[in-house]
Amino acid sequence: MDDPELVERITALADEEHRLEQSRPGGGLSDEQHERLRHIEVALDQCWDLLRQRRARRSSGQDPDAAAVRPEATVEGYQQ
């Protein structure tokens, strides 16, 4: 996945996340919606991490295509 595709994926995931979050007022999310929201959050973290890896590799003269998606346990452990 190249940078424009990653940005497009991030945008689509963020849009879906916002739609789910906006469906909460007055009610809650179903278990299925909570699970979907959790999946989206992890996928967003992985996409952002991959995009950062690609940019860092490119700026240091390395091949951005050698960047790889890191596991959930890795990206979810980052401090923000």
PDB file of N, CA and C in Angstrom:
ATOM      1  N   MET A   1       0.858  -1.170   0.000  1.00  0.00           N
ATOM      2  CA  MET A   1       0.000   0.000   0.000  1.00  0.00           C
ATOM      3  C   MET A   1       0.908   1.238   0.000  1.00  0.00           C
ATOM      4  N   ASP A   2       0.689   2.144  -0.940  1.00  0.00           N
ATOM      5  CA  ASP A   2       1.505   3.354  -0.993  1.00  0.00           C
ATOM      6  C   ASP A   2       0.882   4.453  -0.132  1.00  0.00           C
ATOM      7  N   ASP A   3       1.581   5.592  -0.030  1.00  0.00           N
ATOM      8  CA  ASP A   3       1.130   6.657   0.868  1.00  0.00           C
ATOM      9  C   ASP A   3      -0.274   7.174   0.543  1.00  0.00           C
ATOM     10  N   PRO A   4      -0.595   7.482  -0.708  1.00  0.00           N
ATOM     11  CA  PRO A   4      -1.952   7.958  -0.996  1.00  0.00           C
ATOM     12  C   PRO A   4      -3.029   6.930  -0.631  1.00  0.00           C
ATOM     13  N   GLU A   5      -2.751   5.653  -0.849  1.00  0.00           N
ATOM     14  CA  GLU A   5      -3.708   4.613  -0.474  1.00  0.00           C
ATOM     15  C   GLU A   5      -3.874   4.555   1.045  1.00  0.00           C
ATOM     16  N   LEU A   6      -2.779   4.718   1.776  1.00  0.00           N
ATOM     17  CA  LEU A   6      -2.848   4.732   3.239  1.00  0.00           C
ATOM     18  C   LEU A   6      -3.674   5.909   3.740  1.00  0.00           C
ATOM     19  N   VAL A   7      -3.440   7.079   3.160  1.00  0.00           N
ATOM     20  CA  VAL A   7      -4.200   8.266   3.566  1.00  0.00           C
ATOM     21  C   VAL A   7      -5.686   8.061   3.267  1.00  0.00           C
ATOM     22  N   GLU A   8      -5.989   7.475   2.128  1.00  0.00           N
ATOM     23  CA  GLU A   8      -7.381   7.189   1.761  1.00  0.00           C
ATOM     24  C   GLU A   8      -8.006   6.207   2.760  1.00  0.00           C
ATOM     25  N   ARG A   9      -7.267   5.190   3.140  1.00  0.00           N
ATOM     26  CA  ARG A   9      -7.753   4.197   4.112  1.00  0.00           C
ATOM     27  C   ARG A   9      -7.976   4.847   5.481  1.00  0.00           C
ATOM     28  N   ILE A  10      -7.035   5.688   5.899  1.00  0.00           N
ATOM     29  CA  ILE A  10      -7.161   6.401   7.171  1.00  0.00           C
ATOM     30  C   ILE A  10      -8.420   7.262   7.168  1.00  0.00           C
ATOM     31  N   THR A  11      -8.636   7.971   6.078  1.00  0.00           N
ATOM     32  CA  THR A  11      -9.822   8.831   5.964  1.00  0.00           C
ATOM     33  C   THR A  11     -11.109   8.020   6.055  1.00  0.00           C
ATOM     34  N   ALA A  12     -11.152   6.895   5.354  1.00  0.00           N
ATOM     35  CA  ALA A  12     -12.354   6.050   5.375  1.00  0.00           C
ATOM     36  C   ALA A  12     -12.610   5.494   6.778  1.00  0.00           C
ATOM     37  N   LEU A  13     -11.553   5.048   7.437  1.00  0.00           N
ATOM     38  CA  LEU A  13     -11.707   4.514   8.796  1.00  0.00           C
ATOM     39  C   LEU A  13     -12.138   5.607   9.775  1.00  0.00           C
ATOM     40  N   ALA A  14     -11.540   6.781   9.662  1.00  0.00           N
ATOM     41  CA  ALA A  14     -11.894   7.894  10.548  1.00  0.00           C
ATOM     42  C   ALA A  14     -13.347   8.312  10.333  1.00  0.00           C
ATOM     43  N   ASP A  15     -13.796   8.325   9.078  1.00  0.00           N
ATOM     44  CA  ASP A  15     -15.199   8.656   8.787  1.00  0.00           C
ATOM     45  C   ASP A  15     -16.135   7.644   9.431  1.00  0.00           C
ATOM     46  N   GLU A  16     -15.792   6.368   9.315  1.00  0.00           N
ATOM     47  CA  GLU A  16     -16.633   5.329   9.916  1.00  0.00           C
ATOM     48  C   GLU A  16     -16.626   5.443  11.447  1.00  0.00           C
ATOM     49  N   GLU A  17     -15.465   5.730  12.011  1.00  0.00           N
ATOM     50  CA  GLU A  17     -15.355   5.917  13.464  1.00  0.00           C
ATOM     51  C   GLU A  17     -16.260   7.062  13.927  1.00  0.00           C
ATOM     52  N   HIS A  18     -16.228   8.169  13.206  1.00  0.00           N
ATOM     53  CA  HIS A  18     -17.066   9.319  13.563  1.00  0.00           C
ATOM     54  C   HIS A  18     -18.557   8.995  13.459  1.00  0.00           C
ATOM     55  N   ARG A  19     -18.934   8.261  12.428  1.00  0.00           N
ATOM     56  CA  ARG A  19     -20.347   7.874  12.276  1.00  0.00           C
ATOM     57  C   ARG A  19     -20.802   7.008  13.456  1.00  0.00           C
ATOM     58  N   LEU A  20     -19.958   6.070  13.846  1.00  0.00           N
ATOM     59  CA  LEU A  20     -20.305   5.218  14.989  1.00  0.00           C
ATOM     60  C   LEU A  20     -20.404   6.032  16.275  1.00  0.00           C
ATOM     61  N   GLU A  21     -19.461   6.917  16.487  1.00  0.00           N
ATOM     62  CA  GLU A  21     -19.457   7.727  17.703  1.00  0.00           C
ATOM     63  C   GLU A  21     -20.669   8.657  17.747  1.00  0.00           C
ATOM     64  N   GLN A  22     -21.104   9.158  16.608  1.00  0.00           N
ATOM     65  CA  GLN A  22     -22.244  10.060  16.561  1.00  0.00           C
ATOM     66  C   GLN A  22     -23.562   9.322  16.755  1.00  0.00           C
ATOM     67  N   SER A  23     -23.543   8.025  16.620  1.00  0.00           N
ATOM     68  CA  SER A  23     -24.770   7.251  16.792  1.00  0.00           C
ATOM     69  C   SER A  23     -25.060   6.989  18.272  1.00  0.00           C
ATOM     70  N   ARG A  24     -24.185   7.412  19.165  1.00  0.00           N
ATOM     71  CA  ARG A  24     -24.322   7.167  20.599  1.00  0.00           C
ATOM     72  C   ARG A  24     -25.348   8.023  21.328  1.00  0.00           C
ATOM     73  N   PRO A  25     -25.544   9.307  21.002  1.00  0.00           N
ATOM     74  CA  PRO A  25     -26.357  10.175  21.855  1.00  0.00           C
ATOM     75  C   PRO A  25     -27.682   9.542  22.269  1.00  0.00           C
ATOM     76  N   GLY A  26     -27.942   9.564  23.577  1.00  0.00           N
ATOM     77  CA  GLY A  26     -29.195   9.053  24.101  1.00  0.00           C
ATOM     78  C   GLY A  26     -29.233   7.544  24.262  1.00  0.00           C
ATOM     79  N   GLY A  27     -28.458   6.850  23.534  1.00  0.00           N
ATOM     80  CA  GLY A  27     -28.421   5.388  23.623  1.00  0.00           C
ATOM     81  C   GLY A  27     -26.974   4.972  23.709  1.00  0.00           C
ATOM     82  N   GLY A  28     -26.725   3.757  23.681  1.00  0.00           N
ATOM     83  CA  GLY A  28     -25.354   3.287  23.689  1.00  0.00           C
ATOM     84  C   GLY A  28     -25.084   2.557  22.403  1.00  0.00           C
ATOM     85  N   LEU A  29     -23.914   2.054  22.308  1.00  0.00           N
ATOM     86  CA  LEU A  29     -23.585   1.230  21.155  1.00  0.00           C
ATOM     87  C   LEU A  29     -23.882  -0.223  21.502  1.00  0.00           C
ATOM     88  N   SER A  30     -24.275  -0.954  20.510  1.00  0.00           N
ATOM     89  CA  SER A  30     -24.479  -2.387  20.706  1.00  0.00           C
ATOM     90  C   SER A  30     -23.111  -3.048  20.884  1.00  0.00           C
ATOM     91  N   ASP A  31     -23.102  -4.271  21.328  1.00  0.00           N
ATOM     92  CA  ASP A  31     -21.843  -5.004  21.475  1.00  0.00           C
ATOM     93  C   ASP A  31     -21.118  -5.095  20.138  1.00  0.00           C
ATOM     94  N   GLU A  32     -21.889  -5.300  19.081  1.00  0.00           N
ATOM     95  CA  GLU A  32     -21.306  -5.391  17.737  1.00  0.00           C
ATOM     96  C   GLU A  32     -20.669  -4.054  17.336  1.00  0.00           C
ATOM     97  N   GLN A  33     -21.338  -2.954  17.647  1.00  0.00           N
ATOM     98  CA  GLN A  33     -20.790  -1.632  17.324  1.00  0.00           C
ATOM     99  C   GLN A  33     -19.541  -1.331  18.145  1.00  0.00           C
ATOM    100  N   HIS A  34     -19.540  -1.727  19.421  1.00  0.00           N
ATOM    101  CA  HIS A  34     -18.339  -1.554  20.249  1.00  0.00           C
ATOM    102  C   HIS A  34     -17.164  -2.332  19.665  1.00  0.00           C
ATOM    103  N   GLU A  35     -17.433  -3.550  19.246  1.00  0.00           N
ATOM    104  CA  GLU A  35     -16.375  -4.384  18.664  1.00  0.00           C
ATOM    105  C   GLU A  35     -15.866  -3.749  17.371  1.00  0.00           C
ATOM    106  N   ARG A  36     -16.767  -3.254  16.546  1.00  0.00           N
ATOM    107  CA  ARG A  36     -16.376  -2.605  15.294  1.00  0.00           C
ATOM    108  C   ARG A  36     -15.542  -1.356  15.579  1.00  0.00           C
ATOM    109  N   LEU A  37     -15.957  -0.565  16.574  1.00  0.00           N
ATOM    110  CA  LEU A  37     -15.217   0.638  16.942  1.00  0.00           C
ATOM    111  C   LEU A  37     -13.807   0.280  17.398  1.00  0.00           C
ATOM    112  N   ARG A  38     -13.689  -0.754  18.187  1.00  0.00           N
ATOM    113  CA  ARG A  38     -12.370  -1.210  18.652  1.00  0.00           C
ATOM    114  C   ARG A  38     -11.508  -1.634  17.469  1.00  0.00           C
ATOM    115  N   HIS A  39     -12.094  -2.364  16.536  1.00  0.00           N
ATOM    116  CA  HIS A  39     -11.365  -2.803  15.344  1.00  0.00           C
ATOM    117  C   HIS A  39     -10.891  -1.586  14.525  1.00  0.00           C
ATOM    118  N   ILE A  40     -11.744  -0.606  14.383  1.00  0.00           N
ATOM    119  CA  ILE A  40     -11.395   0.608  13.637  1.00  0.00           C
ATOM    120  C   ILE A  40     -10.233   1.330  14.314  1.00  0.00           C
ATOM    121  N   GLU A  41     -10.296   1.456  15.638  1.00  0.00           N
ATOM    122  CA  GLU A  41      -9.237   2.151  16.377  1.00  0.00           C
ATOM    123  C   GLU A  41      -7.889   1.472  16.173  1.00  0.00           C
ATOM    124  N   VAL A  42      -7.865   0.151  16.213  1.00  0.00           N
ATOM    125  CA  VAL A  42      -6.619  -0.594  16.000  1.00  0.00           C
ATOM    126  C   VAL A  42      -6.134  -0.410  14.567  1.00  0.00           C
ATOM    127  N   ALA A  43      -7.048  -0.537  13.609  1.00  0.00           N
ATOM    128  CA  ALA A  43      -6.673  -0.381  12.201  1.00  0.00           C
ATOM    129  C   ALA A  43      -6.131   1.020  11.934  1.00  0.00           C
ATOM    130  N   LEU A  44      -6.733   2.043  12.547  1.00  0.00           N
ATOM    131  CA  LEU A  44      -6.231   3.409  12.387  1.00  0.00           C
ATOM    132  C   LEU A  44      -4.823   3.535  12.942  1.00  0.00           C
ATOM    133  N   ASP A  45      -4.594   2.989  14.120  1.00  0.00           N
ATOM    134  CA  ASP A  45      -3.257   3.045  14.714  1.00  0.00           C
ATOM    135  C   ASP A  45      -2.233   2.349  13.820  1.00  0.00           C
ATOM    136  N   GLN A  46      -2.610   1.210  13.266  1.00  0.00           N
ATOM    137  CA  GLN A  46      -1.702   0.482  12.388  1.00  0.00           C
ATOM    138  C   GLN A  46      -1.426   1.264  11.099  1.00  0.00           C
ATOM    139  N   CYS A  47      -2.456   1.875  10.531  1.00  0.00           N
ATOM    140  CA  CYS A  47      -2.273   2.655   9.303  1.00  0.00           C
ATOM    141  C   CYS A  47      -1.378   3.866   9.548  1.00  0.00           C
ATOM    142  N   TRP A  48      -1.644   4.593  10.642  1.00  0.00           N
ATOM    143  CA  TRP A  48      -0.805   5.757  10.961  1.00  0.00           C
ATOM    144  C   TRP A  48       0.640   5.331  11.191  1.00  0.00           C
ATOM    145  N   ASP A  49       0.827   4.235  11.896  1.00  0.00           N
ATOM    146  CA  ASP A  49       2.181   3.736  12.154  1.00  0.00           C
ATOM    147  C   ASP A  49       2.879   3.377  10.845  1.00  0.00           C
ATOM    148  N   LEU A  50       2.170   2.692   9.960  1.00  0.00           N
ATOM    149  CA  LEU A  50       2.757   2.319   8.676  1.00  0.00           C
ATOM    150  C   LEU A  50       3.113   3.559   7.856  1.00  0.00           C
ATOM    151  N   LEU A  51       2.253   4.551   7.849  1.00  0.00           N
ATOM    152  CA  LEU A  51       2.533   5.784   7.115  1.00  0.00           C
ATOM    153  C   LEU A  51       3.772   6.477   7.686  1.00  0.00           C
ATOM    154  N   ARG A  52       3.880   6.536   9.018  1.00  0.00           N
ATOM    155  CA  ARG A  52       5.066   7.136   9.651  1.00  0.00           C
ATOM    156  C   ARG A  52       6.327   6.351   9.305  1.00  0.00           C
ATOM    157  N   GLN A  53       6.230   5.026   9.324  1.00  0.00           N
ATOM    158  CA  GLN A  53       7.384   4.199   8.954  1.00  0.00           C
ATOM    159  C   GLN A  53       7.829   4.499   7.529  1.00  0.00           C
ATOM    160  N   ARG A  54       6.859   4.549   6.623  1.00  0.00           N
ATOM    161  CA  ARG A  54       7.184   4.796   5.213  1.00  0.00           C
ATOM    162  C   ARG A  54       7.859   6.158   5.045  1.00  0.00           C
ATOM    163  N   ARG A  55       7.331   7.171   5.707  1.00  0.00           N
ATOM    164  CA  ARG A  55       7.913   8.513   5.601  1.00  0.00           C
ATOM    165  C   ARG A  55       9.306   8.560   6.201  1.00  0.00           C
ATOM    166  N   ALA A  56       9.503   7.893   7.321  1.00  0.00           N
ATOM    167  CA  ALA A  56      10.821   7.864   7.966  1.00  0.00           C
ATOM    168  C   ALA A  56      11.827   7.135   7.084  1.00  0.00           C
ATOM    169  N   ARG A  57      11.429   6.031   6.517  1.00  0.00           N
ATOM    170  CA  ARG A  57      12.331   5.283   5.639  1.00  0.00           C
ATOM    171  C   ARG A  57      12.692   6.129   4.412  1.00  0.00           C
ATOM    172  N   ARG A  58      11.703   6.778   3.841  1.00  0.00           N
ATOM    173  CA  ARG A  58      11.945   7.611   2.661  1.00  0.00           C
ATOM    174  C   ARG A  58      12.912   8.745   2.996  1.00  0.00           C
ATOM    175  N   SER A  59      12.700   9.416   4.133  1.00  0.00           N
ATOM    176  CA  SER A  59      13.542  10.560   4.487  1.00  0.00           C
ATOM    177  C   SER A  59      14.967  10.137   4.849  1.00  0.00           C
ATOM    178  N   SER A  60      15.165   8.867   5.201  1.00  0.00           N
ATOM    179  CA  SER A  60      16.520   8.405   5.510  1.00  0.00           C
ATOM    180  C   SER A  60      17.153   7.657   4.343  1.00  0.00           C
ATOM    181  N   GLY A  61      16.522   7.745   3.175  1.00  0.00           N
ATOM    182  CA  GLY A  61      17.087   7.147   1.971  1.00  0.00           C
ATOM    183  C   GLY A  61      16.842   5.655   1.844  1.00  0.00           C
ATOM    184  N   GLN A  62      15.946   5.111   2.665  1.00  0.00           N
ATOM    185  CA  GLN A  62      15.631   3.688   2.590  1.00  0.00           C
ATOM    186  C   GLN A  62      14.368   3.475   1.767  1.00  0.00           C
ATOM    187  N   ASP A  63      14.115   2.235   1.451  1.00  0.00           N
ATOM    188  CA  ASP A  63      12.946   1.867   0.647  1.00  0.00           C
ATOM    189  C   ASP A  63      11.677   1.911   1.500  1.00  0.00           C
ATOM    190  N   PRO A  64      10.737   2.821   1.206  1.00  0.00           N
ATOM    191  CA  PRO A  64       9.502   2.882   1.992  1.00  0.00           C
ATOM    192  C   PRO A  64       8.653   1.624   1.863  1.00  0.00           C
ATOM    193  N   ASP A  65       8.812   0.897   0.765  1.00  0.00           N
ATOM    194  CA  ASP A  65       8.032  -0.318   0.567  1.00  0.00           C
ATOM    195  C   ASP A  65       8.477  -1.458   1.487  1.00  0.00           C
ATOM    196  N   ALA A  66       9.602  -1.277   2.169  1.00  0.00           N
ATOM    197  CA  ALA A  66      10.064  -2.289   3.116  1.00  0.00           C
ATOM    198  C   ALA A  66       9.374  -2.147   4.474  1.00  0.00           C
ATOM    199  N   ALA A  67       8.621  -1.068   4.664  1.00  0.00           N
ATOM    200  CA  ALA A  67       7.865  -0.883   5.911  1.00  0.00           C
ATOM    201  C   ALA A  67       6.765  -1.935   5.970  1.00  0.00           C
ATOM    202  N   ALA A  68       6.428  -2.349   7.183  1.00  0.00           N
ATOM    203  CA  ALA A  68       5.416  -3.390   7.345  1.00  0.00           C
ATOM    204  C   ALA A  68       4.438  -3.025   8.459  1.00  0.00           C
ATOM    205  N   VAL A  69       3.229  -3.548   8.338  1.00  0.00           N
ATOM    206  CA  VAL A  69       2.220  -3.342   9.371  1.00  0.00           C
ATOM    207  C   VAL A  69       2.687  -4.058  10.631  1.00  0.00           C
ATOM    208  N   ARG A  70       2.663  -3.320  11.738  1.00  0.00           N
ATOM    209  CA  ARG A  70       3.064  -3.924  13.010  1.00  0.00           C
ATOM    210  C   ARG A  70       1.844  -4.520  13.699  1.00  0.00           C
ATOM    211  N   PRO A  71       2.068  -5.520  14.543  1.00  0.00           N
ATOM    212  CA  PRO A  71       0.954  -6.170  15.240  1.00  0.00           C
ATOM    213  C   PRO A  71       0.220  -5.221  16.182  1.00  0.00           C
ATOM    214  N   GLU A  72      -1.025  -5.566  16.465  1.00  0.00           N
ATOM    215  CA  GLU A  72      -1.860  -4.761  17.359  1.00  0.00           C
ATOM    216  C   GLU A  72      -1.169  -4.507  18.692  1.00  0.00           C
ATOM    217  N   ALA A  73      -0.560  -5.542  19.261  1.00  0.00           N
ATOM    218  CA  ALA A  73       0.084  -5.387  20.582  1.00  0.00           C
ATOM    219  C   ALA A  73       1.191  -4.335  20.542  1.00  0.00           C
ATOM    220  N   THR A  74       1.834  -4.186  19.422  1.00  0.00           N
ATOM    221  CA  THR A  74       2.909  -3.202  19.294  1.00  0.00           C
ATOM    222  C   THR A  74       2.337  -1.804  19.188  1.00  0.00           C
ATOM    223  N   VAL A  75       1.436  -1.570  18.251  1.00  0.00           N
ATOM    224  CA  VAL A  75       0.930  -0.210  18.030  1.00  0.00           C
ATOM    225  C   VAL A  75       0.045   0.267  19.172  1.00  0.00           C
ATOM    226  N   GLU A  76      -0.635  -0.643  19.840  1.00  0.00           N
ATOM    227  CA  GLU A  76      -1.492  -0.245  20.945  1.00  0.00           C
ATOM    228  C   GLU A  76      -0.687   0.060  22.204  1.00  0.00           C
ATOM    229  N   GLY A  77       0.583  -0.338  22.222  1.00  0.00           N
ATOM    230  CA  GLY A  77       1.434  -0.080  23.376  1.00  0.00           C
ATOM    231  C   GLY A  77       2.167   1.254  23.301  1.00  0.00           C
ATOM    232  N   TYR A  78       2.053   1.961  22.187  1.00  0.00           N
ATOM    233  CA  TYR A  78       2.748   3.236  22.033  1.00  0.00           C
ATOM    234  C   TYR A  78       2.168   4.290  22.957  1.00  0.00           C
ATOM    235  N   GLN A  79       3.031   5.158  23.464  1.00  0.00           N
ATOM    236  CA  GLN A  79       2.598   6.304  24.259  1.00  0.00           C
ATOM    237  C   GLN A  79       2.303   7.443  23.300  1.00  0.00           C
ATOM    238  N   GLN A  80       1.222   8.168  23.559  1.00  0.00           N
ATOM    239  CA  GLN A  80       0.889   9.301  22.683  1.00  0.00           C
ATOM    240  C   GLN A  80       0.935  10.580  23.433  1.00  0.00           C
TER     241      GLN A  80
END
